[in-house]
Amino acid sequence: LVCKAVRDDLKLTLVEPRQKKVSFLRHIIRILELHDVKVLN
């Protein structure tokens, strides 16, 4: 997600089994207005 934050064209799939961390990831994606990011819980 750090790389995606500085490279808009990067397509990204994040795999994270812990729901609390997934919530944080989705928060960062939302406030940074990132696109082409999939978070798989």
PDB file of all heavy atoms in Angstrom:
ATOM      1  N   LEU A   1       0.820  -1.208   0.000  1.00  0.00           N
ATOM      2  CA  LEU A   1       0.000   0.000   0.000  1.00  0.00           C
ATOM      3  C   LEU A   1       0.857   1.262   0.000  1.00  0.00           C
ATOM      4  O   LEU A   1       0.455   2.288  -0.550  1.00  0.00           O
ATOM      5  CB  LEU A   1      -0.955  -0.013   1.194  1.00  0.00           C
ATOM      6  CG  LEU A   1      -2.135   0.961   1.118  1.00  0.00           C
ATOM      7  CD1 LEU A   1      -2.949   0.746  -0.146  1.00  0.00           C
ATOM      8  CD2 LEU A   1      -3.022   0.820   2.348  1.00  0.00           C
ATOM      9  N   VAL A   2       2.032   1.196   0.593  1.00  0.00           N
ATOM     10  CA  VAL A   2       2.953   2.337   0.551  1.00  0.00           C
ATOM     11  C   VAL A   2       3.371   2.606  -0.897  1.00  0.00           C
ATOM     12  O   VAL A   2       3.390   3.758  -1.356  1.00  0.00           O
ATOM     13  CB  VAL A   2       4.195   2.085   1.430  1.00  0.00           C
ATOM     14  CG1 VAL A   2       5.223   3.197   1.257  1.00  0.00           C
ATOM     15  CG2 VAL A   2       3.791   1.980   2.901  1.00  0.00           C
ATOM     16  N   CYS A   3       3.679   1.551  -1.637  1.00  0.00           N
ATOM     17  CA  CYS A   3       4.054   1.719  -3.050  1.00  0.00           C
ATOM     18  C   CYS A   3       2.884   2.258  -3.866  1.00  0.00           C
ATOM     19  O   CYS A   3       3.056   3.127  -4.726  1.00  0.00           O
ATOM     20  CB  CYS A   3       4.534   0.393  -3.627  1.00  0.00           C
ATOM     21  SG  CYS A   3       6.120  -0.167  -2.962  1.00  0.00           S
ATOM     22  N   LYS A   4       1.692   1.755  -3.603  1.00  0.00           N
ATOM     23  CA  LYS A   4       0.504   2.227  -4.322  1.00  0.00           C
ATOM     24  C   LYS A   4       0.247   3.701  -4.055  1.00  0.00           C
ATOM     25  O   LYS A   4      -0.185   4.445  -4.954  1.00  0.00           O
ATOM     26  CB  LYS A   4      -0.713   1.391  -3.907  1.00  0.00           C
ATOM     27  CG  LYS A   4      -2.039   1.872  -4.477  1.00  0.00           C
ATOM     28  CD  LYS A   4      -2.070   1.800  -5.990  1.00  0.00           C
ATOM     29  CE  LYS A   4      -3.420   2.286  -6.518  1.00  0.00           C
ATOM     30  NZ  LYS A   4      -3.473   2.273  -8.005  1.00  0.00           N
ATOM     31  N   ALA A   5       0.529   4.161  -2.840  1.00  0.00           N
ATOM     32  CA  ALA A   5       0.287   5.555  -2.471  1.00  0.00           C
ATOM     33  C   ALA A   5       1.101   6.526  -3.308  1.00  0.00           C
ATOM     34  O   ALA A   5       0.739   7.698  -3.425  1.00  0.00           O
ATOM     35  CB  ALA A   5       0.579   5.764  -0.985  1.00  0.00           C
ATOM     36  N   VAL A   6       2.204   6.047  -3.904  1.00  0.00           N
ATOM     37  CA  VAL A   6       3.056   6.935  -4.701  1.00  0.00           C
ATOM     38  C   VAL A   6       3.070   6.558  -6.178  1.00  0.00           C
ATOM     39  O   VAL A   6       3.697   7.240  -6.979  1.00  0.00           O
ATOM     40  CB  VAL A   6       4.510   6.963  -4.159  1.00  0.00           C
ATOM     41  CG1 VAL A   6       4.525   7.356  -2.698  1.00  0.00           C
ATOM     42  CG2 VAL A   6       5.203   5.613  -4.339  1.00  0.00           C
ATOM     43  N   ARG A   7       2.369   5.487  -6.518  1.00  0.00           N
ATOM     44  CA  ARG A   7       2.325   5.058  -7.923  1.00  0.00           C
ATOM     45  C   ARG A   7       0.894   4.698  -8.296  1.00  0.00           C
ATOM     46  O   ARG A   7       0.430   3.576  -8.089  1.00  0.00           O
ATOM     47  CB  ARG A   7       3.268   3.872  -8.140  1.00  0.00           C
ATOM     48  CG  ARG A   7       3.302   3.443  -9.584  1.00  0.00           C
ATOM     49  CD  ARG A   7       4.378   2.442  -9.889  1.00  0.00           C
ATOM     50  NE  ARG A   7       4.050   1.771 -11.130  1.00  0.00           N
ATOM     51  CZ  ARG A   7       4.793   0.832 -11.691  1.00  0.00           C
ATOM     52  NH1 ARG A   7       5.932   0.456 -11.125  1.00  0.00           N
ATOM     53  NH2 ARG A   7       4.417   0.255 -12.818  1.00  0.00           N
ATOM     54  N   ASP A   8       0.205   5.664  -8.854  1.00  0.00           N
ATOM     55  CA  ASP A   8      -1.221   5.543  -9.121  1.00  0.00           C
ATOM     56  C   ASP A   8      -1.545   4.426 -10.102  1.00  0.00           C
ATOM     57  O   ASP A   8      -2.607   3.807 -10.029  1.00  0.00           O
ATOM     58  CB  ASP A   8      -1.761   6.877  -9.642  1.00  0.00           C
ATOM     59  CG  ASP A   8      -3.260   6.870  -9.792  1.00  0.00           C
ATOM     60  OD1 ASP A   8      -3.959   6.646  -8.778  1.00  0.00           O
ATOM     61  OD2 ASP A   8      -3.750   7.057 -10.921  1.00  0.00           O
ATOM     62  N   ASP A   9      -0.637   4.138 -11.058  1.00  0.00           N
ATOM     63  CA  ASP A   9      -0.928   3.135 -12.078  1.00  0.00           C
ATOM     64  C   ASP A   9      -0.748   1.697 -11.589  1.00  0.00           C
ATOM     65  O   ASP A   9      -1.105   0.759 -12.287  1.00  0.00           O
ATOM     66  CB  ASP A   9      -0.042   3.355 -13.309  1.00  0.00           C
ATOM     67  CG  ASP A   9       1.416   3.016 -13.020  1.00  0.00           C
ATOM     68  OD1 ASP A   9       1.976   3.610 -12.078  1.00  0.00           O
ATOM     69  OD2 ASP A   9       1.986   2.156 -13.716  1.00  0.00           O
ATOM     70  N   LEU A  10      -0.216   1.529 -10.409  1.00  0.00           N
ATOM     71  CA  LEU A  10       0.019   0.185  -9.876  1.00  0.00           C
ATOM     72  C   LEU A  10      -1.305  -0.474  -9.496  1.00  0.00           C
ATOM     73  O   LEU A  10      -2.111   0.090  -8.748  1.00  0.00           O
ATOM     74  CB  LEU A  10       0.923   0.265  -8.640  1.00  0.00           C
ATOM     75  CG  LEU A  10       1.202  -1.049  -7.900  1.00  0.00           C
ATOM     76  CD1 LEU A  10       2.002  -2.001  -8.780  1.00  0.00           C
ATOM     77  CD2 LEU A  10       1.955  -0.778  -6.594  1.00  0.00           C
ATOM     78  N   LYS A  11      -1.532  -1.670 -10.026  1.00  0.00           N
ATOM     79  CA  LYS A  11      -2.686  -2.460  -9.604  1.00  0.00           C
ATOM     80  C   LYS A  11      -2.251  -3.299  -8.410  1.00  0.00           C
ATOM     81  O   LYS A  11      -1.170  -3.900  -8.431  1.00  0.00           O
ATOM     82  CB  LYS A  11      -3.161  -3.356 -10.753  1.00  0.00           C
ATOM     83  CG  LYS A  11      -4.502  -4.025 -10.490  1.00  0.00           C
ATOM     84  CD  LYS A  11      -5.006  -4.743 -11.738  1.00  0.00           C
ATOM     85  CE  LYS A  11      -6.372  -5.365 -11.488  1.00  0.00           C
ATOM     86  NZ  LYS A  11      -6.874  -6.053 -12.700  1.00  0.00           N
ATOM     87  N   LEU A  12      -3.080  -3.341  -7.379  1.00  0.00           N
ATOM     88  CA  LEU A  12      -2.643  -3.933  -6.110  1.00  0.00           C
ATOM     89  C   LEU A  12      -3.704  -4.840  -5.509  1.00  0.00           C
ATOM     90  O   LEU A  12      -4.883  -4.488  -5.455  1.00  0.00           O
ATOM     91  CB  LEU A  12      -2.309  -2.803  -5.116  1.00  0.00           C
ATOM     92  CG  LEU A  12      -1.860  -3.196  -3.715  1.00  0.00           C
ATOM     93  CD1 LEU A  12      -0.526  -3.950  -3.753  1.00  0.00           C
ATOM     94  CD2 LEU A  12      -1.736  -1.955  -2.839  1.00  0.00           C
ATOM     95  N   THR A  13      -3.270  -6.015  -5.070  1.00  0.00           N
ATOM     96  CA  THR A  13      -4.123  -6.917  -4.296  1.00  0.00           C
ATOM     97  C   THR A  13      -3.450  -7.166  -2.955  1.00  0.00           C
ATOM     98  O   THR A  13      -2.309  -7.629  -2.911  1.00  0.00           O
ATOM     99  CB  THR A  13      -4.344  -8.251  -5.030  1.00  0.00           C
ATOM    100  OG1 THR A  13      -5.012  -8.008  -6.277  1.00  0.00           O
ATOM    101  CG2 THR A  13      -5.190  -9.193  -4.183  1.00  0.00           C
ATOM    102  N   LEU A  14      -4.149  -6.832  -1.885  1.00  0.00           N
ATOM    103  CA  LEU A  14      -3.645  -7.009  -0.525  1.00  0.00           C
ATOM    104  C   LEU A  14      -4.356  -8.186   0.126  1.00  0.00           C
ATOM    105  O   LEU A  14      -5.587  -8.269   0.090  1.00  0.00           O
ATOM    106  CB  LEU A  14      -3.895  -5.751   0.315  1.00  0.00           C
ATOM    107  CG  LEU A  14      -3.291  -4.438  -0.206  1.00  0.00           C
ATOM    108  CD1 LEU A  14      -3.822  -3.260   0.605  1.00  0.00           C
ATOM    109  CD2 LEU A  14      -1.774  -4.493  -0.153  1.00  0.00           C
ATOM    110  N   VAL A  15      -3.598  -9.096   0.714  1.00  0.00           N
ATOM    111  CA  VAL A  15      -4.172 -10.241   1.428  1.00  0.00           C
ATOM    112  C   VAL A  15      -3.855 -10.087   2.905  1.00  0.00           C
ATOM    113  O   VAL A  15      -2.678 -10.005   3.291  1.00  0.00           O
ATOM    114  CB  VAL A  15      -3.606 -11.573   0.889  1.00  0.00           C
ATOM    115  CG1 VAL A  15      -4.133 -12.742   1.708  1.00  0.00           C
ATOM    116  CG2 VAL A  15      -3.964 -11.747  -0.576  1.00  0.00           C
ATOM    117  N   GLU A  16      -4.885 -10.025   3.724  1.00  0.00           N
ATOM    118  CA  GLU A  16      -4.706  -9.833   5.162  1.00  0.00           C
ATOM    119  C   GLU A  16      -5.850 -10.519   5.912  1.00  0.00           C
ATOM    120  O   GLU A  16      -7.012 -10.135   5.775  1.00  0.00           O
ATOM    121  CB  GLU A  16      -4.684  -8.334   5.499  1.00  0.00           C
ATOM    122  CG  GLU A  16      -4.632  -8.011   6.979  1.00  0.00           C
ATOM    123  CD  GLU A  16      -3.549  -8.776   7.719  1.00  0.00           C
ATOM    124  OE1 GLU A  16      -2.381  -8.728   7.283  1.00  0.00           O
ATOM    125  OE2 GLU A  16      -3.870  -9.439   8.722  1.00  0.00           O
ATOM    126  N   PRO A  17      -5.537 -11.562   6.695  1.00  0.00           N
ATOM    127  CA  PRO A  17      -6.596 -12.324   7.363  1.00  0.00           C
ATOM    128  C   PRO A  17      -7.196 -11.666   8.610  1.00  0.00           C
ATOM    129  O   PRO A  17      -8.270 -12.066   9.052  1.00  0.00           O
ATOM    130  CB  PRO A  17      -5.891 -13.638   7.733  1.00  0.00           C
ATOM    131  CG  PRO A  17      -4.455 -13.261   7.879  1.00  0.00           C
ATOM    132  CD  PRO A  17      -4.209 -12.180   6.863  1.00  0.00           C
ATOM    133  N   ARG A  18      -6.531 -10.659   9.168  1.00  0.00           N
ATOM    134  CA  ARG A  18      -7.017 -10.052  10.411  1.00  0.00           C
ATOM    135  C   ARG A  18      -7.913  -8.858  10.115  1.00  0.00           C
ATOM    136  O   ARG A  18      -7.494  -7.875   9.520  1.00  0.00           O
ATOM    137  CB  ARG A  18      -5.826  -9.634  11.280  1.00  0.00           C
ATOM    138  CG  ARG A  18      -5.082 -10.845  11.865  1.00  0.00           C
ATOM    139  CD  ARG A  18      -3.649 -10.536  12.204  1.00  0.00           C
ATOM    140  NE  ARG A  18      -2.846 -10.293  11.006  1.00  0.00           N
ATOM    141  CZ  ARG A  18      -1.522 -10.235  10.992  1.00  0.00           C
ATOM    142  NH1 ARG A  18      -0.855 -10.404  12.106  1.00  0.00           N
ATOM    143  NH2 ARG A  18      -0.871 -10.003   9.865  1.00  0.00           N
ATOM    144  N   GLN A  19      -9.175  -8.948  10.564  1.00  0.00           N
ATOM    145  CA  GLN A  19     -10.194  -7.979  10.199  1.00  0.00           C
ATOM    146  C   GLN A  19      -9.860  -6.562  10.655  1.00  0.00           C
ATOM    147  O   GLN A  19     -10.131  -5.584   9.942  1.00  0.00           O
ATOM    148  CB  GLN A  19     -11.550  -8.402  10.781  1.00  0.00           C
ATOM    149  CG  GLN A  19     -12.692  -7.460  10.417  1.00  0.00           C
ATOM    150  CD  GLN A  19     -12.883  -7.314   8.919  1.00  0.00           C
ATOM    151  OE1 GLN A  19     -12.960  -8.304   8.192  1.00  0.00           O
ATOM    152  NE2 GLN A  19     -12.951  -6.075   8.431  1.00  0.00           N
ATOM    153  N   LYS A  20      -9.275  -6.406  11.836  1.00  0.00           N
ATOM    154  CA  LYS A  20      -8.962  -5.054  12.325  1.00  0.00           C
ATOM    155  C   LYS A  20      -7.954  -4.365  11.414  1.00  0.00           C
ATOM    156  O   LYS A  20      -8.040  -3.159  11.164  1.00  0.00           O
ATOM    157  CB  LYS A  20      -8.434  -5.122  13.761  1.00  0.00           C
ATOM    158  CG  LYS A  20      -9.499  -5.506  14.775  1.00  0.00           C
ATOM    159  CD  LYS A  20      -8.953  -5.523  16.188  1.00  0.00           C
ATOM    160  CE  LYS A  20     -10.041  -5.866  17.190  1.00  0.00           C
ATOM    161  NZ  LYS A  20      -9.523  -5.908  18.586  1.00  0.00           N
ATOM    162  N   LYS A  21      -6.992  -5.121  10.914  1.00  0.00           N
ATOM    163  CA  LYS A  21      -6.022  -4.531   9.995  1.00  0.00           C
ATOM    164  C   LYS A  21      -6.648  -4.252   8.630  1.00  0.00           C
ATOM    165  O   LYS A  21      -6.302  -3.266   7.971  1.00  0.00           O
ATOM    166  CB  LYS A  21      -4.794  -5.434   9.876  1.00  0.00           C
ATOM    167  CG  LYS A  21      -4.013  -5.496  11.184  1.00  0.00           C
ATOM    168  CD  LYS A  21      -2.699  -6.236  11.067  1.00  0.00           C
ATOM    169  CE  LYS A  21      -1.942  -6.166  12.397  1.00  0.00           C
ATOM    170  NZ  LYS A  21      -0.626  -6.829  12.341  1.00  0.00           N
ATOM    171  N   VAL A  22      -7.579  -5.090   8.226  1.00  0.00           N
ATOM    172  CA  VAL A  22      -8.311  -4.843   6.991  1.00  0.00           C
ATOM    173  C   VAL A  22      -9.069  -3.518   7.086  1.00  0.00           C
ATOM    174  O   VAL A  22      -9.114  -2.734   6.126  1.00  0.00           O
ATOM    175  CB  VAL A  22      -9.281  -6.010   6.692  1.00  0.00           C
ATOM    176  CG1 VAL A  22     -10.281  -5.632   5.604  1.00  0.00           C
ATOM    177  CG2 VAL A  22      -8.492  -7.254   6.271  1.00  0.00           C
ATOM    178  N   SER A  23      -9.654  -3.248   8.239  1.00  0.00           N
ATOM    179  CA  SER A  23     -10.373  -1.983   8.436  1.00  0.00           C
ATOM    180  C   SER A  23      -9.439  -0.799   8.280  1.00  0.00           C
ATOM    181  O   SER A  23      -9.800   0.220   7.666  1.00  0.00           O
ATOM    182  CB  SER A  23     -11.022  -1.952   9.830  1.00  0.00           C
ATOM    183  OG  SER A  23     -11.990  -2.964   9.952  1.00  0.00           O
ATOM    184  N   PHE A  24      -8.226  -0.919   8.806  1.00  0.00           N
ATOM    185  CA  PHE A  24      -7.245   0.154   8.656  1.00  0.00           C
ATOM    186  C   PHE A  24      -6.856   0.332   7.185  1.00  0.00           C
ATOM    187  O   PHE A  24      -6.778   1.461   6.681  1.00  0.00           O
ATOM    188  CB  PHE A  24      -6.002  -0.128   9.495  1.00  0.00           C
ATOM    189  CG  PHE A  24      -4.882   0.843   9.261  1.00  0.00           C
ATOM    190  CD1 PHE A  24      -4.944   2.126   9.765  1.00  0.00           C
ATOM    191  CD2 PHE A  24      -3.766   0.482   8.500  1.00  0.00           C
ATOM    192  CE1 PHE A  24      -3.916   3.051   9.528  1.00  0.00           C
ATOM    193  CE2 PHE A  24      -2.736   1.381   8.263  1.00  0.00           C
ATOM    194  CZ  PHE A  24      -2.817   2.668   8.781  1.00  0.00           C
ATOM    195  N   LEU A  25      -6.611  -0.762   6.499  1.00  0.00           N
ATOM    196  CA  LEU A  25      -6.241  -0.693   5.088  1.00  0.00           C
ATOM    197  C   LEU A  25      -7.314   0.019   4.267  1.00  0.00           C
ATOM    198  O   LEU A  25      -7.012   0.896   3.446  1.00  0.00           O
ATOM    199  CB  LEU A  25      -6.025  -2.105   4.528  1.00  0.00           C
ATOM    200  CG  LEU A  25      -4.850  -2.904   5.101  1.00  0.00           C
ATOM    201  CD1 LEU A  25      -4.906  -4.350   4.603  1.00  0.00           C
ATOM    202  CD2 LEU A  25      -3.516  -2.268   4.730  1.00  0.00           C
ATOM    203  N   ARG A  26      -8.560  -0.331   4.504  1.00  0.00           N
ATOM    204  CA  ARG A  26      -9.649   0.290   3.754  1.00  0.00           C
ATOM    205  C   ARG A  26      -9.782   1.777   4.095  1.00  0.00           C
ATOM    206  O   ARG A  26     -10.139   2.587   3.237  1.00  0.00           O
ATOM    207  CB  ARG A  26     -10.947  -0.471   4.019  1.00  0.00           C
ATOM    208  CG  ARG A  26     -10.926  -1.846   3.339  1.00  0.00           C
ATOM    209  CD  ARG A  26     -12.144  -2.672   3.625  1.00  0.00           C
ATOM    210  NE  ARG A  26     -12.115  -3.910   2.818  1.00  0.00           N
ATOM    211  CZ  ARG A  26     -12.731  -5.029   3.147  1.00  0.00           C
ATOM    212  NH1 ARG A  26     -13.443  -5.096   4.278  1.00  0.00           N
ATOM    213  NH2 ARG A  26     -12.646  -6.099   2.365  1.00  0.00           N
ATOM    214  N   HIS A  27      -9.470   2.117   5.331  1.00  0.00           N
ATOM    215  CA  HIS A  27      -9.473   3.528   5.734  1.00  0.00           C
ATOM    216  C   HIS A  27      -8.415   4.312   4.959  1.00  0.00           C
ATOM    217  O   HIS A  27      -8.692   5.402   4.442  1.00  0.00           O
ATOM    218  CB  HIS A  27      -9.222   3.625   7.245  1.00  0.00           C
ATOM    219  CG  HIS A  27      -9.002   5.009   7.740  1.00  0.00           C
ATOM    220  ND1 HIS A  27     -10.008   5.952   7.791  1.00  0.00           N
ATOM    221  CD2 HIS A  27      -7.877   5.639   8.211  1.00  0.00           C
ATOM    222  CE1 HIS A  27      -9.531   7.095   8.259  1.00  0.00           C
ATOM    223  NE2 HIS A  27      -8.246   6.930   8.525  1.00  0.00           N
ATOM    224  N   ILE A  28      -7.203   3.768   4.873  1.00  0.00           N
ATOM    225  CA  ILE A  28      -6.126   4.450   4.147  1.00  0.00           C
ATOM    226  C   ILE A  28      -6.474   4.566   2.660  1.00  0.00           C
ATOM    227  O   ILE A  28      -6.271   5.617   2.036  1.00  0.00           O
ATOM    228  CB  ILE A  28      -4.788   3.705   4.324  1.00  0.00           C
ATOM    229  CG1 ILE A  28      -4.331   3.757   5.791  1.00  0.00           C
ATOM    230  CG2 ILE A  28      -3.715   4.300   3.409  1.00  0.00           C
ATOM    231  CD1 ILE A  28      -4.039   5.154   6.297  1.00  0.00           C
ATOM    232  N   ILE A  29      -7.000   3.516   2.081  1.00  0.00           N
ATOM    233  CA  ILE A  29      -7.395   3.543   0.670  1.00  0.00           C
ATOM    234  C   ILE A  29      -8.428   4.641   0.431  1.00  0.00           C
ATOM    235  O   ILE A  29      -8.360   5.375  -0.572  1.00  0.00           O
ATOM    236  CB  ILE A  29      -7.950   2.164   0.246  1.00  0.00           C
ATOM    237  CG1 ILE A  29      -6.824   1.127   0.240  1.00  0.00           C
ATOM    238  CG2 ILE A  29      -8.620   2.234  -1.129  1.00  0.00           C
ATOM    239  CD1 ILE A  29      -7.308  -0.311   0.182  1.00  0.00           C
ATOM    240  N   ARG A  30      -9.353   4.778   1.370  1.00  0.00           N
ATOM    241  CA  ARG A  30     -10.413   5.780   1.225  1.00  0.00           C
ATOM    242  C   ARG A  30      -9.872   7.205   1.365  1.00  0.00           C
ATOM    243  O   ARG A  30     -10.152   8.057   0.518  1.00  0.00           O
ATOM    244  CB  ARG A  30     -11.500   5.531   2.274  1.00  0.00           C
ATOM    245  CG  ARG A  30     -12.700   6.463   2.169  1.00  0.00           C
ATOM    246  CD  ARG A  30     -13.823   6.035   3.080  1.00  0.00           C
ATOM    247  NE  ARG A  30     -13.425   6.017   4.484  1.00  0.00           N
ATOM    248  CZ  ARG A  30     -13.198   4.916   5.182  1.00  0.00           C
ATOM    249  NH1 ARG A  30     -13.316   3.726   4.614  1.00  0.00           N
ATOM    250  NH2 ARG A  30     -12.856   4.980   6.465  1.00  0.00           N
ATOM    251  N   ILE A  31      -9.076   7.468   2.388  1.00  0.00           N
ATOM    252  CA  ILE A  31      -8.639   8.855   2.607  1.00  0.00           C
ATOM    253  C   ILE A  31      -7.591   9.299   1.588  1.00  0.00           C
ATOM    254  O   ILE A  31      -7.472  10.494   1.302  1.00  0.00           O
ATOM    255  CB  ILE A  31      -8.113   9.079   4.050  1.00  0.00           C
ATOM    256  CG1 ILE A  31      -6.827   8.297   4.296  1.00  0.00           C
ATOM    257  CG2 ILE A  31      -9.167   8.759   5.078  1.00  0.00           C
ATOM    258  CD1 ILE A  31      -6.135   8.703   5.571  1.00  0.00           C
ATOM    259  N   LEU A  32      -6.848   8.348   1.009  1.00  0.00           N
ATOM    260  CA  LEU A  32      -5.879   8.696  -0.028  1.00  0.00           C
ATOM    261  C   LEU A  32      -6.499   8.649  -1.416  1.00  0.00           C
ATOM    262  O   LEU A  32      -5.820   8.948  -2.406  1.00  0.00           O
ATOM    263  CB  LEU A  32      -4.657   7.769   0.035  1.00  0.00           C
ATOM    264  CG  LEU A  32      -3.803   7.839   1.301  1.00  0.00           C
ATOM    265  CD1 LEU A  32      -2.552   6.970   1.152  1.00  0.00           C
ATOM    266  CD2 LEU A  32      -3.413   9.270   1.651  1.00  0.00           C
ATOM    267  N   GLU A  33      -7.777   8.236  -1.473  1.00  0.00           N
ATOM    268  CA  GLU A  33      -8.522   8.166  -2.739  1.00  0.00           C
ATOM    269  C   GLU A  33      -7.801   7.301  -3.773  1.00  0.00           C
ATOM    270  O   GLU A  33      -7.611   7.681  -4.933  1.00  0.00           O
ATOM    271  CB  GLU A  33      -8.776   9.579  -3.295  1.00  0.00           C
ATOM    272  CG  GLU A  33      -9.588  10.440  -2.342  1.00  0.00           C
ATOM    273  CD  GLU A  33      -9.846  11.843  -2.883  1.00  0.00           C
ATOM    274  OE1 GLU A  33      -9.385  12.145  -4.010  1.00  0.00           O
ATOM    275  OE2 GLU A  33     -10.505  12.634  -2.199  1.00  0.00           O
ATOM    276  N   LEU A  34      -7.423   6.101  -3.334  1.00  0.00           N
ATOM    277  CA  LEU A  34      -6.696   5.176  -4.199  1.00  0.00           C
ATOM    278  C   LEU A  34      -7.666   4.297  -4.987  1.00  0.00           C
ATOM    279  O   LEU A  34      -8.738   3.927  -4.494  1.00  0.00           O
ATOM    280  CB  LEU A  34      -5.761   4.309  -3.364  1.00  0.00           C
ATOM    281  CG  LEU A  34      -4.720   5.055  -2.524  1.00  0.00           C
ATOM    282  CD1 LEU A  34      -3.910   4.078  -1.689  1.00  0.00           C
ATOM    283  CD2 LEU A  34      -3.801   5.899  -3.404  1.00  0.00           C
ATOM    284  N   HIS A  35      -7.275   3.954  -6.199  1.00  0.00           N
ATOM    285  CA  HIS A  35      -8.093   3.112  -7.070  1.00  0.00           C
ATOM    286  C   HIS A  35      -7.299   1.865  -7.475  1.00  0.00           C
ATOM    287  O   HIS A  35      -6.085   1.811  -7.323  1.00  0.00           O
ATOM    288  CB  HIS A  35      -8.520   3.894  -8.309  1.00  0.00           C
ATOM    289  CG  HIS A  35      -9.239   5.169  -7.996  1.00  0.00           C
ATOM    290  ND1 HIS A  35     -10.560   5.215  -7.594  1.00  0.00           N
ATOM    291  CD2 HIS A  35      -8.800   6.462  -7.994  1.00  0.00           C
ATOM    292  CE1 HIS A  35     -10.910   6.465  -7.377  1.00  0.00           C
ATOM    293  NE2 HIS A  35      -9.869   7.252  -7.601  1.00  0.00           N
ATOM    294  N   ASP A  36      -8.001   0.868  -8.003  1.00  0.00           N
ATOM    295  CA  ASP A  36      -7.378  -0.396  -8.421  1.00  0.00           C
ATOM    296  C   ASP A  36      -6.654  -1.081  -7.270  1.00  0.00           C
ATOM    297  O   ASP A  36      -5.551  -1.615  -7.431  1.00  0.00           O
ATOM    298  CB  ASP A  36      -6.405  -0.172  -9.588  1.00  0.00           C
ATOM    299  CG  ASP A  36      -7.116   0.040 -10.909  1.00  0.00           C
ATOM    300  OD1 ASP A  36      -8.230  -0.502 -11.065  1.00  0.00           O
ATOM    301  OD2 ASP A  36      -6.579   0.746 -11.775  1.00  0.00           O
ATOM    302  N   VAL A  37      -7.285  -1.049  -6.093  1.00  0.00           N
ATOM    303  CA  VAL A  37      -6.757  -1.766  -4.926  1.00  0.00           C
ATOM    304  C   VAL A  37      -7.834  -2.723  -4.426  1.00  0.00           C
ATOM    305  O   VAL A  37      -8.970  -2.315  -4.184  1.00  0.00           O
ATOM    306  CB  VAL A  37      -6.372  -0.819  -3.768  1.00  0.00           C
ATOM    307  CG1 VAL A  37      -5.748  -1.620  -2.622  1.00  0.00           C
ATOM    308  CG2 VAL A  37      -5.421   0.264  -4.243  1.00  0.00           C
ATOM    309  N   LYS A  38      -7.489  -3.991  -4.306  1.00  0.00           N
ATOM    310  CA  LYS A  38      -8.406  -4.993  -3.762  1.00  0.00           C
ATOM    311  C   LYS A  38      -7.842  -5.494  -2.440  1.00  0.00           C
ATOM    312  O   LYS A  38      -6.669  -5.857  -2.351  1.00  0.00           O
ATOM    313  CB  LYS A  38      -8.557  -6.155  -4.751  1.00  0.00           C
ATOM    314  CG  LYS A  38      -9.530  -7.237  -4.302  1.00  0.00           C
ATOM    315  CD  LYS A  38      -9.569  -8.396  -5.290  1.00  0.00           C
ATOM    316  CE  LYS A  38     -10.195  -7.986  -6.604  1.00  0.00           C
ATOM    317  NZ  LYS A  38     -10.366  -9.162  -7.508  1.00  0.00           N
ATOM    318  N   VAL A  39      -8.690  -5.515  -1.410  1.00  0.00           N
ATOM    319  CA  VAL A  39      -8.291  -6.034  -0.098  1.00  0.00           C
ATOM    320  C   VAL A  39      -9.065  -7.326   0.145  1.00  0.00           C
ATOM    321  O   VAL A  39     -10.302  -7.322   0.178  1.00  0.00           O
ATOM    322  CB  VAL A  39      -8.585  -5.027   1.034  1.00  0.00           C
ATOM    323  CG1 VAL A  39      -8.112  -5.586   2.375  1.00  0.00           C
ATOM    324  CG2 VAL A  39      -7.914  -3.683   0.755  1.00  0.00           C
ATOM    325  N   LEU A  40      -8.337  -8.424   0.300  1.00  0.00           N
ATOM    326  CA  LEU A  40      -8.964  -9.720   0.545  1.00  0.00           C
ATOM    327  C   LEU A  40      -8.743 -10.136   1.985  1.00  0.00           C
ATOM    328  O   LEU A  40      -7.608 -10.305   2.431  1.00  0.00           O
ATOM    329  CB  LEU A  40      -8.381 -10.769  -0.404  1.00  0.00           C
ATOM    330  CG  LEU A  40      -8.602 -10.529  -1.898  1.00  0.00           C
ATOM    331  CD1 LEU A  40      -7.947 -11.642  -2.714  1.00  0.00           C
ATOM    332  CD2 LEU A  40     -10.082 -10.417  -2.234  1.00  0.00           C
ATOM    333  N   ASN A  41      -9.834 -10.292   2.713  1.00  0.00           N
ATOM    334  CA  ASN A  41      -9.773 -10.706   4.116  1.00  0.00           C
ATOM    335  C   ASN A  41      -9.765 -12.242   4.166  1.00  0.00           C
ATOM    336  O   ASN A  41     -10.768 -12.883   4.473  1.00  0.00           O
ATOM    337  CB  ASN A  41     -10.983 -10.125   4.850  1.00  0.00           C
ATOM    338  CG  ASN A  41     -10.983 -10.418   6.328  1.00  0.00           C
ATOM    339  OD1 ASN A  41     -12.014 -10.360   6.978  1.00  0.00           O
ATOM    340  ND2 ASN A  41      -9.832 -10.726   6.905  1.00  0.00           N
TER     341      ASN A  41
END
